[in-house]
Amino acid sequence: MTDFCVTKSPAETVNLVKDAVMSGSLTGALIDEYTNDGVTVLVFDKHYYRAGNRLTLTVVIDTYFGKTHIHAVGGGGGEGLFRFDWGASNSFEDCVRNALRMYAIQ
């Protein structure tokens, strides 16, 4: 799970996240984008070979506290009872953090 704030507007943040997840990826796709009352929810899907299946990434972008806030969580990876995904869901989340790193508020 990833939580942080950035200096970009929500619209700019949405575009940066979409570009980061889908650019340079043959298997990354935006499944759904929903915006209502200042909150945008993005749901992505991507195949990870090390996890052996597809993972999802859900990103919520809001400005409830006067700053653009990002919450991202990856899931769905791994096989078997314990769903061990070899770090693929964390890697999927990291692509959001890496795309917005230079705009992050400490």
C-alpha atoms as a PDB file:
ATOM      1  CA  MET A   1       0.000   0.000   0.000  1.00  0.00           C
ATOM      2  CA  THR A   2       1.266   3.457  -0.927  1.00  0.00           C
ATOM      3  CA  ASP A   3       0.056   6.779   0.503  1.00  0.00           C
ATOM      4  CA  PHE A   4       1.540  10.200  -0.216  1.00  0.00           C
ATOM      5  CA  CYS A   5       0.735  13.725  -1.397  1.00  0.00           C
ATOM      6  CA  VAL A   6       2.044  15.642  -4.409  1.00  0.00           C
ATOM      7  CA  THR A   7       2.247  19.245  -5.600  1.00  0.00           C
ATOM      8  CA  LYS A   8       0.489  18.498  -8.914  1.00  0.00           C
ATOM      9  CA  SER A   9      -3.198  19.051  -9.564  1.00  0.00           C
ATOM     10  CA  PRO A  10      -5.486  16.005  -9.524  1.00  0.00           C
ATOM     11  CA  ALA A  11      -5.873  16.109 -13.341  1.00  0.00           C
ATOM     12  CA  GLU A  12      -2.099  16.276 -13.875  1.00  0.00           C
ATOM     13  CA  THR A  13      -1.615  13.473 -11.359  1.00  0.00           C
ATOM     14  CA  VAL A  14      -4.155  11.252 -13.134  1.00  0.00           C
ATOM     15  CA  ASN A  15      -2.340  11.753 -16.439  1.00  0.00           C
ATOM     16  CA  LEU A  16       1.083  11.063 -14.909  1.00  0.00           C
ATOM     17  CA  VAL A  17      -0.152   7.863 -13.279  1.00  0.00           C
ATOM     18  CA  LYS A  18      -1.822   6.609 -16.462  1.00  0.00           C
ATOM     19  CA  ASP A  19       1.320   7.321 -18.486  1.00  0.00           C
ATOM     20  CA  ALA A  20       3.549   5.581 -15.945  1.00  0.00           C
ATOM     21  CA  VAL A  21       1.486   2.409 -15.769  1.00  0.00           C
ATOM     22  CA  MET A  22       0.722   2.022 -19.454  1.00  0.00           C
ATOM     23  CA  SER A  23       3.781   3.429 -21.221  1.00  0.00           C
ATOM     24  CA  GLY A  24       6.499   0.938 -21.942  1.00  0.00           C
ATOM     25  CA  SER A  25       4.245  -1.935 -20.938  1.00  0.00           C
ATOM     26  CA  LEU A  26       2.825  -4.419 -23.391  1.00  0.00           C
ATOM     27  CA  THR A  27       0.406  -5.842 -20.845  1.00  0.00           C
ATOM     28  CA  GLY A  28      -0.626  -2.810 -18.744  1.00  0.00           C
ATOM     29  CA  ALA A  29      -4.189  -1.614 -19.287  1.00  0.00           C
ATOM     30  CA  LEU A  30      -6.595   0.827 -17.684  1.00  0.00           C
ATOM     31  CA  ILE A  31      -9.668  -1.210 -16.749  1.00  0.00           C
ATOM     32  CA  ASP A  32     -11.748   1.599 -15.297  1.00  0.00           C
ATOM     33  CA  GLU A  33     -11.606   5.301 -14.478  1.00  0.00           C
ATOM     34  CA  TYR A  34     -14.238   6.833 -12.250  1.00  0.00           C
ATOM     35  CA  THR A  35     -14.439  10.448 -11.092  1.00  0.00           C
ATOM     36  CA  ASN A  36     -17.041  11.853  -8.717  1.00  0.00           C
ATOM     37  CA  ASP A  37     -17.035  14.754  -6.278  1.00  0.00           C
ATOM     38  CA  GLY A  38     -13.325  15.464  -6.622  1.00  0.00           C
ATOM     39  CA  VAL A  39     -12.175  11.858  -6.254  1.00  0.00           C
ATOM     40  CA  THR A  40     -10.737   9.787  -9.105  1.00  0.00           C
ATOM     41  CA  VAL A  41     -10.368   6.025  -8.924  1.00  0.00           C
ATOM     42  CA  LEU A  42      -8.165   4.288 -11.499  1.00  0.00           C
ATOM     43  CA  VAL A  43      -8.044   0.499 -11.823  1.00  0.00           C
ATOM     44  CA  PHE A  44      -5.229  -1.060 -13.839  1.00  0.00           C
ATOM     45  CA  ASP A  45      -4.436  -4.604 -14.863  1.00  0.00           C
ATOM     46  CA  LYS A  46      -1.057  -5.980 -15.899  1.00  0.00           C
ATOM     47  CA  HIS A  47       0.530  -9.373 -16.449  1.00  0.00           C
ATOM     48  CA  TYR A  48       3.593 -10.070 -14.315  1.00  0.00           C
ATOM     49  CA  TYR A  49       5.670 -13.051 -15.344  1.00  0.00           C
ATOM     50  CA  ARG A  50       7.321 -13.425 -11.932  1.00  0.00           C
ATOM     51  CA  ALA A  51       3.893 -13.677 -10.269  1.00  0.00           C
ATOM     52  CA  GLY A  52       2.651 -16.028 -12.949  1.00  0.00           C
ATOM     53  CA  ASN A  53      -0.593 -14.140 -13.526  1.00  0.00           C
ATOM     54  CA  ARG A  54      -2.278 -10.764 -13.804  1.00  0.00           C
ATOM     55  CA  LEU A  55      -2.282  -8.203 -11.026  1.00  0.00           C
ATOM     56  CA  THR A  56      -4.498  -5.230 -10.390  1.00  0.00           C
ATOM     57  CA  LEU A  57      -3.542  -1.784  -9.204  1.00  0.00           C
ATOM     58  CA  THR A  58      -6.142   0.522  -7.705  1.00  0.00           C
ATOM     59  CA  VAL A  59      -5.208   4.193  -7.390  1.00  0.00           C
ATOM     60  CA  VAL A  60      -7.366   6.756  -5.557  1.00  0.00           C
ATOM     61  CA  ILE A  61      -6.606  10.453  -6.079  1.00  0.00           C
ATOM     62  CA  ASP A  62      -8.363  13.087  -3.963  1.00  0.00           C
ATOM     63  CA  THR A  63      -7.932  16.598  -2.563  1.00  0.00           C
ATOM     64  CA  TYR A  64      -9.973  16.311   0.620  1.00  0.00           C
ATOM     65  CA  PHE A  65      -7.345  17.995   2.783  1.00  0.00           C
ATOM     66  CA  GLY A  66      -6.213  20.690   0.355  1.00  0.00           C
ATOM     67  CA  LYS A  67      -3.419  18.629  -1.192  1.00  0.00           C
ATOM     68  CA  THR A  68      -3.463  16.093  -3.979  1.00  0.00           C
ATOM     69  CA  HIS A  69      -3.377  12.764  -2.138  1.00  0.00           C
ATOM     70  CA  ILE A  70      -2.595   9.412  -3.768  1.00  0.00           C
ATOM     71  CA  HIS A  71      -3.457   6.011  -2.347  1.00  0.00           C
ATOM     72  CA  ALA A  72      -2.370   2.974  -4.387  1.00  0.00           C
ATOM     73  CA  VAL A  73      -2.667  -0.736  -3.680  1.00  0.00           C
ATOM     74  CA  GLY A  74      -1.734  -3.701  -5.848  1.00  0.00           C
ATOM     75  CA  GLY A  75      -3.253  -7.130  -5.537  1.00  0.00           C
ATOM     76  CA  GLY A  76      -4.314 -10.342  -7.160  1.00  0.00           C
ATOM     77  CA  GLY A  77      -0.830 -11.755  -7.596  1.00  0.00           C
ATOM     78  CA  GLY A  78       0.652 -15.062  -6.694  1.00  0.00           C
ATOM     79  CA  GLU A  79      -0.440 -18.622  -6.619  1.00  0.00           C
ATOM     80  CA  GLY A  80      -1.522 -21.056  -3.990  1.00  0.00           C
ATOM     81  CA  LEU A  81      -2.927 -20.632  -0.536  1.00  0.00           C
ATOM     82  CA  PHE A  82      -0.538 -17.882   0.576  1.00  0.00           C
ATOM     83  CA  ARG A  83      -0.660 -15.812  -2.656  1.00  0.00           C
ATOM     84  CA  PHE A  84       3.080 -15.205  -2.671  1.00  0.00           C
ATOM     85  CA  ASP A  85       3.747 -12.941  -5.683  1.00  0.00           C
ATOM     86  CA  TRP A  86       7.542 -12.491  -5.538  1.00  0.00           C
ATOM     87  CA  GLY A  87       7.119  -8.748  -4.883  1.00  0.00           C
ATOM     88  CA  ALA A  88       5.183  -8.077  -8.086  1.00  0.00           C
ATOM     89  CA  SER A  89       2.313  -6.187  -6.405  1.00  0.00           C
ATOM     90  CA  ASN A  90       4.811  -3.923  -4.619  1.00  0.00           C
ATOM     91  CA  SER A  91       6.560  -3.322  -7.928  1.00  0.00           C
ATOM     92  CA  PHE A  92       3.224  -2.367  -9.508  1.00  0.00           C
ATOM     93  CA  GLU A  93       2.609   0.146  -6.688  1.00  0.00           C
ATOM     94  CA  ASP A  94       6.164   1.475  -7.018  1.00  0.00           C
ATOM     95  CA  CYS A  95       5.538   2.542 -10.600  1.00  0.00           C
ATOM     96  CA  VAL A  96       3.053   5.130  -9.240  1.00  0.00           C
ATOM     97  CA  ARG A  97       5.453   6.365  -6.563  1.00  0.00           C
ATOM     98  CA  ASN A  98       8.343   6.543  -9.065  1.00  0.00           C
ATOM     99  CA  ALA A  99       6.272   8.529 -11.580  1.00  0.00           C
ATOM    100  CA  LEU A 100       5.368  11.120  -8.937  1.00  0.00           C
ATOM    101  CA  ARG A 101       8.551  11.077  -6.830  1.00  0.00           C
ATOM    102  CA  MET A 102       9.745  14.525  -7.929  1.00  0.00           C
ATOM    103  CA  TYR A 103       6.394  16.059  -6.953  1.00  0.00           C
ATOM    104  CA  ALA A 104       6.023  14.314  -3.578  1.00  0.00           C
ATOM    105  CA  ILE A 105       5.466  16.445  -0.499  1.00  0.00           C
ATOM    106  CA  GLN A 106       7.593  15.390   2.472  1.00  0.00           C
END
